[in-house]
Amino acid sequence: MATGKDFLDTHEKLQRLMLRAGGILEWAKEHNCKFGIKKFQLLDATQKTVKDTATGHWVSILRPDLVLGGQTIKSQSSAKFLDVIVYNKLN
């Protein structure tokens, strides 16, 4: 889990955590542990909205993809953690 001022900031923190020297991917390699990055879930959670200039309606802010080790992880509208469903709008 990472927090930041925006999604790009949190994605950068996650990338550093995974890819840095001594990071999670290096630790996994040293301990013969394989992560299936394709199985990762990304939940960019916020209640912030922006006004759509075309329609004038308030819409959710853009949730960019996260790229880790050449794999693209798309932000989901919900994710299940320990049998609890969490929604990206925190409702």
PDB file of N, CA and C in Angstrom:
ATOM      1  N   MET A   1       0.854  -1.174   0.000  1.00  0.00           N
ATOM      2  CA  MET A   1       0.000   0.000   0.000  1.00  0.00           C
ATOM      3  C   MET A   1       0.896   1.231   0.000  1.00  0.00           C
ATOM      4  N   ALA A   2       0.494   2.208  -0.791  1.00  0.00           N
ATOM      5  CA  ALA A   2       1.238   3.466  -0.859  1.00  0.00           C
ATOM      6  C   ALA A   2       0.255   4.625  -0.884  1.00  0.00           C
ATOM      7  N   THR A   3       0.647   5.721  -0.278  1.00  0.00           N
ATOM      8  CA  THR A   3      -0.163   6.938  -0.314  1.00  0.00           C
ATOM      9  C   THR A   3       0.693   8.064  -0.886  1.00  0.00           C
ATOM     10  N   GLY A   4       0.026   9.057  -1.471  1.00  0.00           N
ATOM     11  CA  GLY A   4       0.748  10.181  -2.049  1.00  0.00           C
ATOM     12  C   GLY A   4      -0.195  11.296  -2.425  1.00  0.00           C
ATOM     13  N   LYS A   5       0.368  12.351  -3.000  1.00  0.00           N
ATOM     14  CA  LYS A   5      -0.439  13.521  -3.359  1.00  0.00           C
ATOM     15  C   LYS A   5      -1.346  13.242  -4.556  1.00  0.00           C
ATOM     16  N   ASP A   6      -0.937  12.294  -5.410  1.00  0.00           N
ATOM     17  CA  ASP A   6      -1.770  11.890  -6.546  1.00  0.00           C
ATOM     18  C   ASP A   6      -1.391  10.470  -6.950  1.00  0.00           C
ATOM     19  N   PHE A   7      -2.073   9.929  -7.941  1.00  0.00           N
ATOM     20  CA  PHE A   7      -1.835   8.547  -8.333  1.00  0.00           C
ATOM     21  C   PHE A   7      -0.443   8.346  -8.939  1.00  0.00           C
ATOM     22  N   LEU A   8       0.047   9.318  -9.689  1.00  0.00           N
ATOM     23  CA  LEU A   8       1.387   9.187 -10.268  1.00  0.00           C
ATOM     24  C   LEU A   8       2.436   9.101  -9.168  1.00  0.00           C
ATOM     25  N   ASP A   9       2.269   9.883  -8.103  1.00  0.00           N
ATOM     26  CA  ASP A   9       3.170   9.852  -6.960  1.00  0.00           C
ATOM     27  C   ASP A   9       3.140   8.478  -6.284  1.00  0.00           C
ATOM     28  N   THR A  10       1.956   7.938  -6.067  1.00  0.00           N
ATOM     29  CA  THR A  10       1.863   6.622  -5.421  1.00  0.00           C
ATOM     30  C   THR A  10       2.405   5.524  -6.336  1.00  0.00           C
ATOM     31  N   HIS A  11       2.181   5.639  -7.624  1.00  0.00           N
ATOM     32  CA  HIS A  11       2.705   4.638  -8.559  1.00  0.00           C
ATOM     33  C   HIS A  11       4.234   4.662  -8.559  1.00  0.00           C
ATOM     34  N   GLU A  12       4.841   5.857  -8.488  1.00  0.00           N
ATOM     35  CA  GLU A  12       6.301   5.960  -8.430  1.00  0.00           C
ATOM     36  C   GLU A  12       6.835   5.302  -7.164  1.00  0.00           C
ATOM     37  N   LYS A  13       6.140   5.497  -6.042  1.00  0.00           N
ATOM     38  CA  LYS A  13       6.555   4.866  -4.788  1.00  0.00           C
ATOM     39  C   LYS A  13       6.488   3.343  -4.898  1.00  0.00           C
ATOM     40  N   LEU A  14       5.434   2.832  -5.501  1.00  0.00           N
ATOM     41  CA  LEU A  14       5.304   1.384  -5.670  1.00  0.00           C
ATOM     42  C   LEU A  14       6.397   0.836  -6.586  1.00  0.00           C
ATOM     43  N   GLN A  15       6.691   1.568  -7.665  1.00  0.00           N
ATOM     44  CA  GLN A  15       7.749   1.139  -8.586  1.00  0.00           C
ATOM     45  C   GLN A  15       9.102   1.087  -7.877  1.00  0.00           C
ATOM     46  N   ARG A  16       9.416   2.131  -7.091  1.00  0.00           N
ATOM     47  CA  ARG A  16      10.685   2.146  -6.357  1.00  0.00           C
ATOM     48  C   ARG A  16      10.756   0.992  -5.367  1.00  0.00           C
ATOM     49  N   LEU A  17       9.671   0.747  -4.646  1.00  0.00           N
ATOM     50  CA  LEU A  17       9.620  -0.342  -3.666  1.00  0.00           C
ATOM     51  C   LEU A  17       9.889  -1.691  -4.322  1.00  0.00           C
ATOM     52  N   MET A  18       9.338  -1.897  -5.489  1.00  0.00           N
ATOM     53  CA  MET A  18       9.475  -3.182  -6.174  1.00  0.00           C
ATOM     54  C   MET A  18      10.822  -3.318  -6.883  1.00  0.00           C
ATOM     55  N   LEU A  19      11.296  -2.254  -7.521  1.00  0.00           N
ATOM     56  CA  LEU A  19      12.420  -2.359  -8.452  1.00  0.00           C
ATOM     57  C   LEU A  19      13.772  -1.921  -7.902  1.00  0.00           C
ATOM     58  N   ARG A  20      13.832  -1.217  -6.791  1.00  0.00           N
ATOM     59  CA  ARG A  20      15.105  -0.702  -6.281  1.00  0.00           C
ATOM     60  C   ARG A  20      16.042  -1.835  -5.858  1.00  0.00           C
ATOM     61  N   ALA A  21      17.324  -1.495  -5.706  1.00  0.00           N
ATOM     62  CA  ALA A  21      18.288  -2.468  -5.193  1.00  0.00           C
ATOM     63  C   ALA A  21      17.853  -2.852  -3.778  1.00  0.00           C
ATOM     64  N   GLY A  22      17.736  -4.135  -3.525  1.00  0.00           N
ATOM     65  CA  GLY A  22      17.257  -4.609  -2.231  1.00  0.00           C
ATOM     66  C   GLY A  22      15.748  -4.563  -2.101  1.00  0.00           C
ATOM     67  N   GLY A  23      15.071  -4.247  -3.207  1.00  0.00           N
ATOM     68  CA  GLY A  23      13.610  -4.139  -3.203  1.00  0.00           C
ATOM     69  C   GLY A  23      12.934  -5.501  -3.260  1.00  0.00           C
ATOM     70  N   ILE A  24      11.646  -5.474  -3.413  1.00  0.00           N
ATOM     71  CA  ILE A  24      10.844  -6.695  -3.348  1.00  0.00           C
ATOM     72  C   ILE A  24      11.218  -7.700  -4.431  1.00  0.00           C
ATOM     73  N   LEU A  25      11.391  -7.256  -5.669  1.00  0.00           N
ATOM     74  CA  LEU A  25      11.734  -8.200  -6.733  1.00  0.00           C
ATOM     75  C   LEU A  25      13.103  -8.827  -6.518  1.00  0.00           C
ATOM     76  N   GLU A  26      14.072  -8.044  -6.031  1.00  0.00           N
ATOM     77  CA  GLU A  26      15.399  -8.591  -5.740  1.00  0.00           C
ATOM     78  C   GLU A  26      15.314  -9.583  -4.580  1.00  0.00           C
ATOM     79  N   TRP A  27      14.573  -9.231  -3.540  1.00  0.00           N
ATOM     80  CA  TRP A  27      14.395 -10.129  -2.404  1.00  0.00           C
ATOM     81  C   TRP A  27      13.770 -11.446  -2.861  1.00  0.00           C
ATOM     82  N   ALA A  28      12.745 -11.353  -3.707  1.00  0.00           N
ATOM     83  CA  ALA A  28      12.073 -12.555  -4.190  1.00  0.00           C
ATOM     84  C   ALA A  28      13.036 -13.451  -4.970  1.00  0.00           C
ATOM     85  N   LYS A  29      13.882 -12.849  -5.787  1.00  0.00           N
ATOM     86  CA  LYS A  29      14.848 -13.629  -6.561  1.00  0.00           C
ATOM     87  C   LYS A  29      15.847 -14.330  -5.643  1.00  0.00           C
ATOM     88  N   GLU A  30      16.331 -13.605  -4.630  1.00  0.00           N
ATOM     89  CA  GLU A  30      17.303 -14.176  -3.690  1.00  0.00           C
ATOM     90  C   GLU A  30      16.702 -15.300  -2.853  1.00  0.00           C
ATOM     91  N   HIS A  31      15.412 -15.272  -2.634  1.00  0.00           N
ATOM     92  CA  HIS A  31      14.744 -16.266  -1.787  1.00  0.00           C
ATOM     93  C   HIS A  31      13.924 -17.273  -2.597  1.00  0.00           C
ATOM     94  N   ASN A  32      14.196 -17.324  -3.910  1.00  0.00           N
ATOM     95  CA  ASN A  32      13.527 -18.258  -4.804  1.00  0.00           C
ATOM     96  C   ASN A  32      11.993 -18.169  -4.699  1.00  0.00           C
ATOM     97  N   CYS A  33      11.524 -16.951  -4.621  1.00  0.00           N
ATOM     98  CA  CYS A  33      10.079 -16.680  -4.533  1.00  0.00           C
ATOM     99  C   CYS A  33       9.668 -15.986  -5.825  1.00  0.00           C
ATOM    100  N   LYS A  34       8.678 -16.521  -6.500  1.00  0.00           N
ATOM    101  CA  LYS A  34       8.245 -15.939  -7.769  1.00  0.00           C
ATOM    102  C   LYS A  34       6.938 -15.184  -7.585  1.00  0.00           C
ATOM    103  N   PHE A  35       6.952 -13.916  -7.993  1.00  0.00           N
ATOM    104  CA  PHE A  35       5.750 -13.095  -7.982  1.00  0.00           C
ATOM    105  C   PHE A  35       5.127 -13.126  -9.365  1.00  0.00           C
ATOM    106  N   GLY A  36       3.836 -13.292  -9.427  1.00  0.00           N
ATOM    107  CA  GLY A  36       3.130 -13.195 -10.684  1.00  0.00           C
ATOM    108  C   GLY A  36       2.588 -11.786 -10.849  1.00  0.00           C
ATOM    109  N   ILE A  37       3.422 -10.892 -11.412  1.00  0.00           N
ATOM    110  CA  ILE A  37       3.003  -9.493 -11.557  1.00  0.00           C
ATOM    111  C   ILE A  37       1.682  -9.406 -12.315  1.00  0.00           C
ATOM    112  N   LYS A  38       1.438 -10.346 -13.214  1.00  0.00           N
ATOM    113  CA  LYS A  38       0.169 -10.345 -13.959  1.00  0.00           C
ATOM    114  C   LYS A  38      -1.024 -10.524 -13.019  1.00  0.00           C
ATOM    115  N   LYS A  39      -0.785 -11.085 -11.836  1.00  0.00           N
ATOM    116  CA  LYS A  39      -1.868 -11.317 -10.873  1.00  0.00           C
ATOM    117  C   LYS A  39      -2.056 -10.158  -9.897  1.00  0.00           C
ATOM    118  N   PHE A  40      -1.180  -9.155  -9.961  1.00  0.00           N
ATOM    119  CA  PHE A  40      -1.280  -8.019  -9.049  1.00  0.00           C
ATOM    120  C   PHE A  40      -2.589  -7.268  -9.282  1.00  0.00           C
ATOM    121  N   GLN A  41      -3.100  -6.663  -8.223  1.00  0.00           N
ATOM    122  CA  GLN A  41      -4.286  -5.809  -8.317  1.00  0.00           C
ATOM    123  C   GLN A  41      -3.878  -4.380  -7.997  1.00  0.00           C
ATOM    124  N   LEU A  42      -4.465  -3.430  -8.694  1.00  0.00           N
ATOM    125  CA  LEU A  42      -4.208  -2.019  -8.442  1.00  0.00           C
ATOM    126  C   LEU A  42      -5.539  -1.350  -8.167  1.00  0.00           C
ATOM    127  N   LEU A  43      -5.637  -0.712  -7.019  1.00  0.00           N
ATOM    128  CA  LEU A  43      -6.851   0.000  -6.638  1.00  0.00           C
ATOM    129  C   LEU A  43      -6.447   1.425  -6.282  1.00  0.00           C
ATOM    130  N   ASP A  44      -6.655   2.364  -7.201  1.00  0.00           N
ATOM    131  CA  ASP A  44      -6.385   3.781  -6.952  1.00  0.00           C
ATOM    132  C   ASP A  44      -7.630   4.369  -6.307  1.00  0.00           C
ATOM    133  N   ALA A  45      -7.569   4.595  -5.007  1.00  0.00           N
ATOM    134  CA  ALA A  45      -8.760   4.992  -4.256  1.00  0.00           C
ATOM    135  C   ALA A  45      -8.781   6.480  -3.940  1.00  0.00           C
ATOM    136  N   THR A  46      -9.898   7.125  -4.264  1.00  0.00           N
ATOM    137  CA  THR A  46     -10.122   8.528  -3.931  1.00  0.00           C
ATOM    138  C   THR A  46     -11.591   8.859  -4.146  1.00  0.00           C
ATOM    139  N   GLN A  47     -12.040   9.893  -3.458  1.00  0.00           N
ATOM    140  CA  GLN A  47     -13.399  10.390  -3.684  1.00  0.00           C
ATOM    141  C   GLN A  47     -13.375  11.672  -4.508  1.00  0.00           C
ATOM    142  N   LYS A  48     -12.176  12.103  -4.918  1.00  0.00           N
ATOM    143  CA  LYS A  48     -12.046  13.335  -5.699  1.00  0.00           C
ATOM    144  C   LYS A  48     -12.719  13.187  -7.056  1.00  0.00           C
ATOM    145  N   THR A  49     -13.321  14.277  -7.517  1.00  0.00           N
ATOM    146  CA  THR A  49     -13.934  14.322  -8.840  1.00  0.00           C
ATOM    147  C   THR A  49     -13.496  15.609  -9.550  1.00  0.00           C
ATOM    148  N   VAL A  50     -13.668  15.640 -10.855  1.00  0.00           N
ATOM    149  CA  VAL A  50     -13.387  16.834 -11.657  1.00  0.00           C
ATOM    150  C   VAL A  50     -14.590  17.097 -12.551  1.00  0.00           C
ATOM    151  N   LYS A  51     -14.739  18.339 -12.944  1.00  0.00           N
ATOM    152  CA  LYS A  51     -15.863  18.702 -13.802  1.00  0.00           C
ATOM    153  C   LYS A  51     -15.499  18.424 -15.261  1.00  0.00           C
ATOM    154  N   ASP A  52     -16.321  17.639 -15.924  1.00  0.00           N
ATOM    155  CA  ASP A  52     -16.138  17.327 -17.348  1.00  0.00           C
ATOM    156  C   ASP A  52     -16.512  18.576 -18.136  1.00  0.00           C
ATOM    157  N   THR A  53     -15.559  19.096 -18.901  1.00  0.00           N
ATOM    158  CA  THR A  53     -15.798  20.336 -19.644  1.00  0.00           C
ATOM    159  C   THR A  53     -16.838  20.155 -20.747  1.00  0.00           C
ATOM    160  N   ALA A  54     -16.966  18.945 -21.284  1.00  0.00           N
ATOM    161  CA  ALA A  54     -17.919  18.701 -22.367  1.00  0.00           C
ATOM    162  C   ALA A  54     -19.354  18.625 -21.853  1.00  0.00           C
ATOM    163  N   THR A  55     -19.549  17.951 -20.717  1.00  0.00           N
ATOM    164  CA  THR A  55     -20.915  17.734 -20.228  1.00  0.00           C
ATOM    165  C   THR A  55     -21.282  18.608 -19.032  1.00  0.00           C
ATOM    166  N   GLY A  56     -20.266  19.115 -18.322  1.00  0.00           N
ATOM    167  CA  GLY A  56     -20.535  19.896 -17.117  1.00  0.00           C
ATOM    168  C   GLY A  56     -20.815  19.028 -15.897  1.00  0.00           C
ATOM    169  N   HIS A  57     -20.759  17.706 -16.057  1.00  0.00           N
ATOM    170  CA  HIS A  57     -20.990  16.792 -14.941  1.00  0.00           C
ATOM    171  C   HIS A  57     -19.694  16.526 -14.183  1.00  0.00           C
ATOM    172  N   TRP A  58     -19.830  16.193 -12.910  1.00  0.00           N
ATOM    173  CA  TRP A  58     -18.676  15.808 -12.105  1.00  0.00           C
ATOM    174  C   TRP A  58     -18.384  14.331 -12.342  1.00  0.00           C
ATOM    175  N   VAL A  59     -17.124  14.015 -12.655  1.00  0.00           N
ATOM    176  CA  VAL A  59     -16.720  12.640 -12.960  1.00  0.00           C
ATOM    177  C   VAL A  59     -15.490  12.272 -12.124  1.00  0.00           C
ATOM    178  N   SER A  60     -15.256  10.983 -11.983  1.00  0.00           N
ATOM    179  CA  SER A  60     -14.074  10.501 -11.267  1.00  0.00           C
ATOM    180  C   SER A  60     -12.817  10.950 -11.987  1.00  0.00           C
ATOM    181  N   ILE A  61     -11.753  11.185 -11.220  1.00  0.00           N
ATOM    182  CA  ILE A  61     -10.497  11.583 -11.847  1.00  0.00           C
ATOM    183  C   ILE A  61      -9.857  10.379 -12.533  1.00  0.00           C
ATOM    184  N   LEU A  62      -8.988  10.652 -13.492  1.00  0.00           N
ATOM    185  CA  LEU A  62      -8.312   9.620 -14.273  1.00  0.00           C
ATOM    186  C   LEU A  62      -7.429   8.771 -13.363  1.00  0.00           C
ATOM    187  N   ARG A  63      -7.511   7.479 -13.537  1.00  0.00           N
ATOM    188  CA  ARG A  63      -6.685   6.535 -12.790  1.00  0.00           C
ATOM    189  C   ARG A  63      -5.740   5.857 -13.788  1.00  0.00           C
ATOM    190  N   PRO A  64      -4.478   6.323 -13.833  1.00  0.00           N
ATOM    191  CA  PRO A  64      -3.530   5.799 -14.837  1.00  0.00           C
ATOM    192  C   PRO A  64      -3.088   4.375 -14.521  1.00  0.00           C
ATOM    193  N   ASP A  65      -2.571   3.696 -15.541  1.00  0.00           N
ATOM    194  CA  ASP A  65      -2.026   2.352 -15.366  1.00  0.00           C
ATOM    195  C   ASP A  65      -0.702   2.436 -14.610  1.00  0.00           C
ATOM    196  N   LEU A  66      -0.343   1.325 -13.977  1.00  0.00           N
ATOM    197  CA  LEU A  66       0.954   1.184 -13.309  1.00  0.00           C
ATOM    198  C   LEU A  66       1.767   0.191 -14.122  1.00  0.00           C
ATOM    199  N   VAL A  67       3.028   0.532 -14.421  1.00  0.00           N
ATOM    200  CA  VAL A  67       3.900  -0.371 -15.174  1.00  0.00           C
ATOM    201  C   VAL A  67       4.999  -0.862 -14.239  1.00  0.00           C
ATOM    202  N   LEU A  68       5.081  -2.186 -14.095  1.00  0.00           N
ATOM    203  CA  LEU A  68       6.095  -2.826 -13.250  1.00  0.00           C
ATOM    204  C   LEU A  68       6.772  -3.930 -14.046  1.00  0.00           C
ATOM    205  N   GLY A  69       8.070  -3.857 -14.169  1.00  0.00           N
ATOM    206  CA  GLY A  69       8.799  -4.914 -14.842  1.00  0.00           C
ATOM    207  C   GLY A  69       8.282  -5.234 -16.229  1.00  0.00           C
ATOM    208  N   GLY A  70       7.878  -4.212 -16.962  1.00  0.00           N
ATOM    209  CA  GLY A  70       7.363  -4.414 -18.310  1.00  0.00           C
ATOM    210  C   GLY A  70       5.908  -4.861 -18.372  1.00  0.00           C
ATOM    211  N   GLN A  71       5.276  -5.049 -17.230  1.00  0.00           N
ATOM    212  CA  GLN A  71       3.869  -5.455 -17.174  1.00  0.00           C
ATOM    213  C   GLN A  71       3.002  -4.245 -16.830  1.00  0.00           C
ATOM    214  N   THR A  72       1.884  -4.106 -17.516  1.00  0.00           N
ATOM    215  CA  THR A  72       0.941  -3.022 -17.244  1.00  0.00           C
ATOM    216  C   THR A  72      -0.161  -3.537 -16.329  1.00  0.00           C
ATOM    217  N   ILE A  73      -0.371  -2.830 -15.232  1.00  0.00           N
ATOM    218  CA  ILE A  73      -1.411  -3.190 -14.278  1.00  0.00           C
ATOM    219  C   ILE A  73      -2.461  -2.084 -14.314  1.00  0.00           C
ATOM    220  N   LYS A  74      -3.666  -2.445 -14.690  1.00  0.00           N
ATOM    221  CA  LYS A  74      -4.752  -1.475 -14.812  1.00  0.00           C
ATOM    222  C   LYS A  74      -5.425  -1.258 -13.460  1.00  0.00           C
ATOM    223  N   SER A  75      -5.791  -0.014 -13.186  1.00  0.00           N
ATOM    224  CA  SER A  75      -6.515   0.304 -11.963  1.00  0.00           C
ATOM    225  C   SER A  75      -7.931  -0.255 -12.065  1.00  0.00           C
ATOM    226  N   GLN A  76      -8.369  -0.924 -11.018  1.00  0.00           N
ATOM    227  CA  GLN A  76      -9.680  -1.554 -11.002  1.00  0.00           C
ATOM    228  C   GLN A  76     -10.674  -0.713 -10.209  1.00  0.00           C
ATOM    229  N   SER A  77     -11.958  -0.924 -10.460  1.00  0.00           N
ATOM    230  CA  SER A  77     -12.985  -0.206  -9.707  1.00  0.00           C
ATOM    231  C   SER A  77     -13.198  -0.820  -8.332  1.00  0.00           C
ATOM    232  N   SER A  78     -12.798  -2.089  -8.167  1.00  0.00           N
ATOM    233  CA  SER A  78     -12.887  -2.736  -6.856  1.00  0.00           C
ATOM    234  C   SER A  78     -11.851  -3.852  -6.789  1.00  0.00           C
ATOM    235  N   ALA A  79     -11.504  -4.220  -5.563  1.00  0.00           N
ATOM    236  CA  ALA A  79     -10.566  -5.323  -5.346  1.00  0.00           C
ATOM    237  C   ALA A  79     -10.953  -6.035  -4.060  1.00  0.00           C
ATOM    238  N   LYS A  80     -10.649  -7.305  -4.010  1.00  0.00           N
ATOM    239  CA  LYS A  80     -10.984  -8.110  -2.843  1.00  0.00           C
ATOM    240  C   LYS A  80      -9.715  -8.364  -2.036  1.00  0.00           C
ATOM    241  N   PHE A  81      -9.724  -7.951  -0.768  1.00  0.00           N
ATOM    242  CA  PHE A  81      -8.613  -8.144   0.146  1.00  0.00           C
ATOM    243  C   PHE A  81      -9.130  -8.874   1.377  1.00  0.00           C
ATOM    244  N   LEU A  82      -8.598 -10.058   1.633  1.00  0.00           N
ATOM    245  CA  LEU A  82      -9.011 -10.849   2.797  1.00  0.00           C
ATOM    246  C   LEU A  82     -10.524 -10.992   2.866  1.00  0.00           C
ATOM    247  N   ASP A  83     -11.119 -11.274   1.719  1.00  0.00           N
ATOM    248  CA  ASP A  83     -12.559 -11.512   1.601  1.00  0.00           C
ATOM    249  C   ASP A  83     -13.420 -10.259   1.812  1.00  0.00           C
ATOM    250  N   VAL A  84     -12.793  -9.071   1.757  1.00  0.00           N
ATOM    251  CA  VAL A  84     -13.520  -7.802   1.864  1.00  0.00           C
ATOM    252  C   VAL A  84     -13.359  -7.068   0.540  1.00  0.00           C
ATOM    253  N   ILE A  85     -14.472  -6.644  -0.042  1.00  0.00           N
ATOM    254  CA  ILE A  85     -14.421  -5.904  -1.299  1.00  0.00           C
ATOM    255  C   ILE A  85     -14.257  -4.417  -0.991  1.00  0.00           C
ATOM    256  N   VAL A  86     -13.224  -3.819  -1.588  1.00  0.00           N
ATOM    257  CA  VAL A  86     -12.939  -2.397  -1.420  1.00  0.00           C
ATOM    258  C   VAL A  86     -13.155  -1.731  -2.769  1.00  0.00           C
ATOM    259  N   TYR A  87     -13.890  -0.606  -2.773  1.00  0.00           N
ATOM    260  CA  TYR A  87     -14.187   0.125  -4.002  1.00  0.00           C
ATOM    261  C   TYR A  87     -13.290   1.338  -4.128  1.00  0.00           C
ATOM    262  N   ASN A  88     -12.931   1.694  -5.371  1.00  0.00           N
ATOM    263  CA  ASN A  88     -11.985   2.802  -5.583  1.00  0.00           C
ATOM    264  C   ASN A  88     -12.559   4.168  -5.212  1.00  0.00           C
ATOM    265  N   LYS A  89     -13.857   4.276  -5.025  1.00  0.00           N
ATOM    266  CA  LYS A  89     -14.447   5.541  -4.578  1.00  0.00           C
ATOM    267  C   LYS A  89     -14.620   5.570  -3.064  1.00  0.00           C
ATOM    268  N   LEU A  90     -14.125   4.521  -2.389  1.00  0.00           N
ATOM    269  CA  LEU A  90     -14.160   4.415  -0.930  1.00  0.00           C
ATOM    270  C   LEU A  90     -15.573   4.476  -0.363  1.00  0.00           C
ATOM    271  N   ASN A  91     -16.520   3.879  -1.080  1.00  0.00           N
ATOM    272  CA  ASN A  91     -17.896   3.850  -0.580  1.00  0.00           C
ATOM    273  C   ASN A  91     -18.323   2.423  -0.294  1.00  0.00           C
TER     274      ASN A  91
END
